[in-house]
Amino acid sequence: MALLDSLLTGGVGSLVKEIVGSFKLSPEAKLEFDKQLEEHKFALAKMDADLEAKLADTASANIQAEAKGNWYTASARPTFLYIMEFILLWNYVIVPLLKEKPIDLPEPLFWLFGSCMLGYTAARTWEKLYNQGDKG
């Protein structure tokens, strides 16, 4: 896992430098290695960019595949939010109109609803902004 972490965070160049740095090299060999690394800096940067693009494409493809799987997979988050909105509407609007006392809902339910609502709207906003940038 450390190999994958260093590949994702430090790039291919730093990964190669770290691996080769763990060997005992003579000063001449180390100097030659550093020279070669510097000469191929552009190619390593291109490999980093290609790797990041492939990772982004893979993540995007996975999300799209899950969303296209079936109706419920694509609608699970909105369904949860609709159910929560119905509970709140029923408890705090309809029940008082019927001259009844609303049920005391537990505080964690409100935190769950609030975090899901904020997370869902933030994710949708980010998705729209991100997709809009790709089209332009």
Protein backbone atom coordinates (compact mmCIF):
# COMPACT_ATOMS: atom_id res chain seq x y z
CA MET A 1 0.00 0.00 0.00
CA ALA A 2 2.95 2.33 0.65
CA LEU A 3 3.99 1.90 -2.97
CA LEU A 4 0.54 2.99 -4.18
CA ASP A 5 0.46 5.90 -1.72
CA SER A 6 3.83 7.21 -2.86
CA LEU A 7 2.82 6.75 -6.49
CA LEU A 8 -0.38 8.73 -6.01
CA THR A 9 1.04 11.46 -3.79
CA GLY A 10 4.64 11.92 -4.89
CA GLY A 11 4.56 10.95 -8.54
CA VAL A 12 6.55 8.49 -10.57
CA GLY A 13 9.82 10.46 -10.37
CA SER A 14 9.92 10.62 -6.59
CA LEU A 15 8.91 6.95 -6.41
CA VAL A 16 11.84 5.94 -8.65
CA LYS A 17 14.19 8.19 -6.70
CA GLU A 18 13.00 6.70 -3.41
CA ILE A 19 13.39 3.11 -4.63
CA VAL A 20 16.81 3.65 -6.16
CA GLY A 21 17.85 5.70 -3.12
CA SER A 22 17.35 2.65 -0.95
CA PHE A 23 20.23 0.90 -2.80
CA LYS A 24 23.85 1.46 -1.86
CA LEU A 25 25.30 3.30 -4.85
CA SER A 26 28.76 4.60 -5.41
CA PRO A 27 28.98 8.40 -5.64
CA GLU A 28 29.61 8.15 -9.40
CA ALA A 29 26.57 5.90 -9.93
CA LYS A 30 24.42 8.19 -7.78
CA LEU A 31 25.56 11.22 -9.77
CA GLU A 32 24.78 9.39 -13.03
CA PHE A 33 21.36 8.39 -11.71
CA ASP A 34 20.56 11.97 -10.67
CA LYS A 35 21.68 13.18 -14.11
CA GLN A 36 19.43 10.62 -15.85
CA LEU A 37 16.54 11.54 -13.57
CA GLU A 38 16.95 15.22 -14.40
CA GLU A 39 17.12 14.47 -18.15
CA HIS A 40 13.87 12.50 -17.99
CA LYS A 41 12.04 14.95 -15.74
CA PHE A 42 9.61 15.92 -18.52
CA ALA A 43 8.79 12.28 -19.35
CA LEU A 44 8.19 11.53 -15.66
CA ALA A 45 5.89 14.55 -15.35
CA LYS A 46 3.97 13.33 -18.41
CA MET A 47 3.66 9.87 -16.82
CA ASP A 48 2.30 11.51 -13.64
CA ALA A 49 -0.29 13.45 -15.65
CA ASP A 50 -1.30 10.33 -17.60
CA LEU A 51 -1.66 8.35 -14.37
CA GLU A 52 -3.84 11.03 -12.78
CA ALA A 53 -6.02 11.20 -15.90
CA LYS A 54 -6.46 7.41 -15.91
CA LEU A 55 -7.38 7.40 -12.23
CA ALA A 56 -9.95 10.17 -12.78
CA ASP A 57 -11.39 8.34 -15.79
CA THR A 58 -11.63 5.10 -13.82
CA ALA A 59 -13.40 6.78 -10.91
CA SER A 60 -15.79 8.54 -13.27
CA ALA A 61 -16.51 5.31 -15.15
CA ASN A 62 -17.21 3.48 -11.88
CA ILE A 63 -19.65 6.14 -10.72
CA GLN A 64 -21.42 6.15 -14.08
CA ALA A 65 -21.63 2.35 -14.13
CA GLU A 66 -23.16 2.30 -10.67
CA ALA A 67 -25.65 5.00 -11.59
CA LYS A 68 -26.71 3.15 -14.75
CA GLY A 69 -27.07 -0.14 -12.86
CA ASN A 70 -30.72 0.20 -11.92
CA TRP A 71 -33.26 2.81 -10.86
CA TYR A 72 -32.68 2.50 -7.15
CA THR A 73 -28.91 2.75 -7.38
CA ALA A 74 -29.26 6.08 -9.15
CA SER A 75 -32.02 7.29 -6.80
CA ALA A 76 -30.98 6.07 -3.35
CA ARG A 77 -29.76 9.42 -2.01
CA PRO A 78 -32.75 11.44 -3.26
CA THR A 79 -35.10 8.75 -1.96
CA PHE A 80 -33.62 9.05 1.53
CA LEU A 81 -33.96 12.82 1.41
CA TYR A 82 -37.59 12.60 0.22
CA ILE A 83 -38.43 10.21 3.07
CA MET A 84 -36.81 12.54 5.60
CA GLU A 85 -38.66 15.54 4.17
CA PHE A 86 -41.93 13.63 4.41
CA ILE A 87 -41.25 12.73 8.06
CA LEU A 88 -40.48 16.35 8.93
CA LEU A 89 -43.47 17.68 6.98
CA TRP A 90 -45.80 15.16 8.60
CA ASN A 91 -44.49 15.69 12.12
CA TYR A 92 -44.19 19.48 12.12
CA VAL A 93 -46.91 20.60 9.69
CA ILE A 94 -49.65 17.98 9.29
CA VAL A 95 -49.78 16.72 12.90
CA PRO A 96 -50.15 20.26 14.37
CA LEU A 97 -52.92 20.98 11.83
CA LEU A 98 -54.72 17.93 13.20
CA LYS A 99 -54.43 19.50 16.70
CA GLU A 100 -52.06 16.79 17.90
CA LYS A 101 -48.69 17.06 19.59
CA PRO A 102 -45.73 16.29 17.27
CA ILE A 103 -43.45 13.38 18.15
CA ASP A 104 -40.12 14.35 19.66
CA LEU A 105 -37.67 13.18 17.02
CA PRO A 106 -34.15 12.30 18.18
CA GLU A 107 -31.47 14.92 17.58
CA PRO A 108 -29.16 12.52 15.65
CA LEU A 109 -31.91 12.20 13.03
CA PHE A 110 -31.68 15.94 12.35
CA TRP A 111 -27.88 15.76 12.15
CA LEU A 112 -28.12 12.85 9.73
CA PHE A 113 -30.66 14.64 7.56
CA GLY A 114 -28.67 17.90 7.62
CA SER A 115 -25.37 16.28 6.74
CA CYS A 116 -26.95 14.21 3.95
CA MET A 117 -28.74 17.23 2.52
CA LEU A 118 -25.64 19.42 2.64
CA GLY A 119 -23.43 16.65 1.29
CA TYR A 120 -25.84 15.82 -1.52
CA THR A 121 -26.30 19.44 -2.61
CA ALA A 122 -22.56 20.14 -2.39
CA ALA A 123 -21.77 17.03 -4.44
CA ARG A 124 -24.37 17.92 -7.06
CA THR A 125 -23.07 21.49 -7.29
CA TRP A 126 -19.47 20.29 -7.63
CA GLU A 127 -20.52 17.75 -10.26
CA LYS A 128 -22.33 20.41 -12.30
CA LEU A 129 -19.40 22.83 -12.09
CA TYR A 130 -16.89 20.10 -12.94
CA ASN A 131 -18.92 18.83 -15.91
CA GLN A 132 -19.50 22.39 -17.14
CA GLY A 133 -15.73 22.96 -17.19
CA ASP A 134 -15.23 19.87 -19.40
CA LYS A 135 -17.67 21.12 -22.02
CA GLY A 136 -16.01 24.54 -22.44
